[in-house]
Amino acid sequence: MTQPQPGLRSVWIGHAAEKQVDVVTPRIGELVTADQPFTSNRWWEEVR
């Protein structure tokens, strides 16, 4: 039950970030996109 939680959260964050990028300026979007992979990688390593 601990594995599906972080995975779902990662997907949700991705969707929200994409939607926010459309609403927020592209500058913030680039920052979020750059932060996304880093956080995702870290989560994957922790989960693994």
N, C-alpha and C. Protein backbone atom coordinates (compact mmCIF):
# COMPACT_ATOMS: atom_id res chain seq x y z
N MET A 1 0.84 -1.21 0.00
CA MET A 1 0.00 0.00 0.00
C MET A 1 0.88 1.26 0.00
N THR A 2 2.16 1.08 0.32
CA THR A 2 3.04 2.26 0.33
C THR A 2 3.54 2.57 -1.07
N GLN A 3 3.64 1.55 -1.93
CA GLN A 3 4.16 1.79 -3.29
C GLN A 3 3.15 2.53 -4.16
N PRO A 4 1.89 2.08 -4.20
CA PRO A 4 0.90 2.75 -5.06
C PRO A 4 0.65 4.19 -4.65
N GLN A 5 0.84 4.50 -3.39
CA GLN A 5 0.59 5.89 -2.92
C GLN A 5 1.55 6.88 -3.58
N PRO A 6 2.87 6.67 -3.47
CA PRO A 6 3.82 7.62 -4.08
C PRO A 6 3.67 7.67 -5.58
N GLY A 7 3.42 6.51 -6.21
CA GLY A 7 3.24 6.48 -7.66
C GLY A 7 2.07 7.35 -8.08
N LEU A 8 0.93 7.16 -7.42
CA LEU A 8 -0.25 7.96 -7.78
C LEU A 8 0.04 9.44 -7.54
N ARG A 9 0.73 9.72 -6.46
CA ARG A 9 1.02 11.12 -6.14
C ARG A 9 1.89 11.73 -7.25
N SER A 10 2.86 10.96 -7.72
CA SER A 10 3.76 11.46 -8.77
C SER A 10 2.94 11.81 -10.02
N VAL A 11 2.04 10.91 -10.39
CA VAL A 11 1.21 11.14 -11.59
C VAL A 11 0.35 12.38 -11.38
N TRP A 12 -0.25 12.48 -10.20
CA TRP A 12 -1.11 13.64 -9.92
C TRP A 12 -0.31 14.93 -10.03
N ILE A 13 0.89 14.95 -9.44
CA ILE A 13 1.73 16.15 -9.48
C ILE A 13 2.02 16.51 -10.93
N GLY A 14 2.33 15.49 -11.74
CA GLY A 14 2.63 15.74 -13.15
C GLY A 14 1.44 16.40 -13.84
N HIS A 15 0.24 15.84 -13.64
CA HIS A 15 -0.96 16.40 -14.28
C HIS A 15 -1.20 17.84 -13.82
N ALA A 16 -1.09 18.05 -12.52
CA ALA A 16 -1.33 19.40 -11.97
C ALA A 16 -0.28 20.36 -12.52
N ALA A 17 0.96 19.92 -12.59
CA ALA A 17 2.03 20.79 -13.09
C ALA A 17 1.74 21.18 -14.54
N GLU A 18 1.33 20.21 -15.35
CA GLU A 18 1.04 20.50 -16.76
C GLU A 18 -0.10 21.51 -16.87
N LYS A 19 -1.15 21.30 -16.08
CA LYS A 19 -2.31 22.22 -16.13
C LYS A 19 -1.88 23.60 -15.64
N GLN A 20 -1.08 23.63 -14.60
CA GLN A 20 -0.62 24.91 -14.05
C GLN A 20 0.24 25.63 -15.08
N VAL A 21 1.06 24.89 -15.77
CA VAL A 21 1.95 25.51 -16.77
C VAL A 21 1.10 26.26 -17.79
N ASP A 22 -0.05 25.67 -18.15
CA ASP A 22 -0.93 26.33 -19.14
C ASP A 22 -1.48 27.63 -18.56
N VAL A 23 -1.81 27.60 -17.28
CA VAL A 23 -2.40 28.80 -16.64
C VAL A 23 -1.30 29.78 -16.25
N VAL A 24 -0.28 29.26 -15.57
CA VAL A 24 0.82 30.13 -15.13
C VAL A 24 1.75 30.42 -16.31
N THR A 25 2.60 31.44 -16.15
CA THR A 25 3.51 31.79 -17.24
C THR A 25 4.44 30.61 -17.57
N PRO A 26 5.01 30.61 -18.76
CA PRO A 26 5.90 29.50 -19.15
C PRO A 26 7.17 29.46 -18.30
N ARG A 27 7.56 30.60 -17.76
CA ARG A 27 8.78 30.62 -16.94
C ARG A 27 8.61 29.70 -15.74
N ILE A 28 7.52 29.85 -15.02
CA ILE A 28 7.29 29.00 -13.84
C ILE A 28 7.17 27.54 -14.31
N GLY A 29 6.55 27.36 -15.46
CA GLY A 29 6.38 26.00 -15.98
C GLY A 29 7.74 25.32 -16.18
N GLU A 30 8.68 26.06 -16.74
CA GLU A 30 10.01 25.48 -16.97
C GLU A 30 10.63 25.07 -15.63
N LEU A 31 10.45 25.92 -14.63
CA LEU A 31 11.02 25.61 -13.31
C LEU A 31 10.39 24.34 -12.76
N VAL A 32 9.07 24.26 -12.87
CA VAL A 32 8.36 23.08 -12.34
C VAL A 32 8.80 21.83 -13.09
N THR A 33 8.93 21.96 -14.42
CA THR A 33 9.33 20.79 -15.22
C THR A 33 10.74 20.34 -14.81
N ALA A 34 11.61 21.30 -14.55
CA ALA A 34 12.98 20.94 -14.18
C ALA A 34 12.99 20.30 -12.78
N ASP A 35 12.10 20.76 -11.92
CA ASP A 35 12.06 20.21 -10.56
C ASP A 35 11.36 18.85 -10.56
N GLN A 36 10.44 18.66 -11.49
CA GLN A 36 9.66 17.41 -11.53
C GLN A 36 10.55 16.18 -11.66
N PRO A 37 11.37 16.10 -12.71
CA PRO A 37 12.21 14.91 -12.90
C PRO A 37 13.11 14.63 -11.69
N PHE A 38 13.64 15.70 -11.12
CA PHE A 38 14.53 15.53 -9.96
C PHE A 38 13.77 14.89 -8.80
N THR A 39 12.58 15.41 -8.51
CA THR A 39 11.79 14.86 -7.41
C THR A 39 11.36 13.43 -7.74
N SER A 40 10.98 13.20 -9.00
CA SER A 40 10.53 11.87 -9.40
C SER A 40 11.68 10.87 -9.22
N ASN A 41 12.84 11.24 -9.68
CA ASN A 41 14.01 10.35 -9.56
C ASN A 41 14.27 10.03 -8.10
N ARG A 42 14.21 11.05 -7.27
CA ARG A 42 14.50 10.84 -5.85
C ARG A 42 13.44 9.90 -5.27
N TRP A 43 12.20 10.12 -5.59
CA TRP A 43 11.13 9.26 -5.07
C TRP A 43 11.35 7.82 -5.50
N TRP A 44 11.68 7.65 -6.79
CA TRP A 44 11.90 6.30 -7.32
C TRP A 44 13.02 5.61 -6.54
N GLU A 45 14.09 6.34 -6.32
CA GLU A 45 15.23 5.75 -5.59
C GLU A 45 14.80 5.36 -4.18
N GLU A 46 14.03 6.23 -3.55
CA GLU A 46 13.59 5.93 -2.17
C GLU A 46 12.66 4.73 -2.17
N VAL A 47 11.75 4.69 -3.13
CA VAL A 47 10.79 3.57 -3.20
C VAL A 47 11.52 2.27 -3.51
N ARG A 48 12.50 2.36 -4.40
CA ARG A 48 13.24 1.16 -4.77
C ARG A 48 14.05 0.70 -3.58
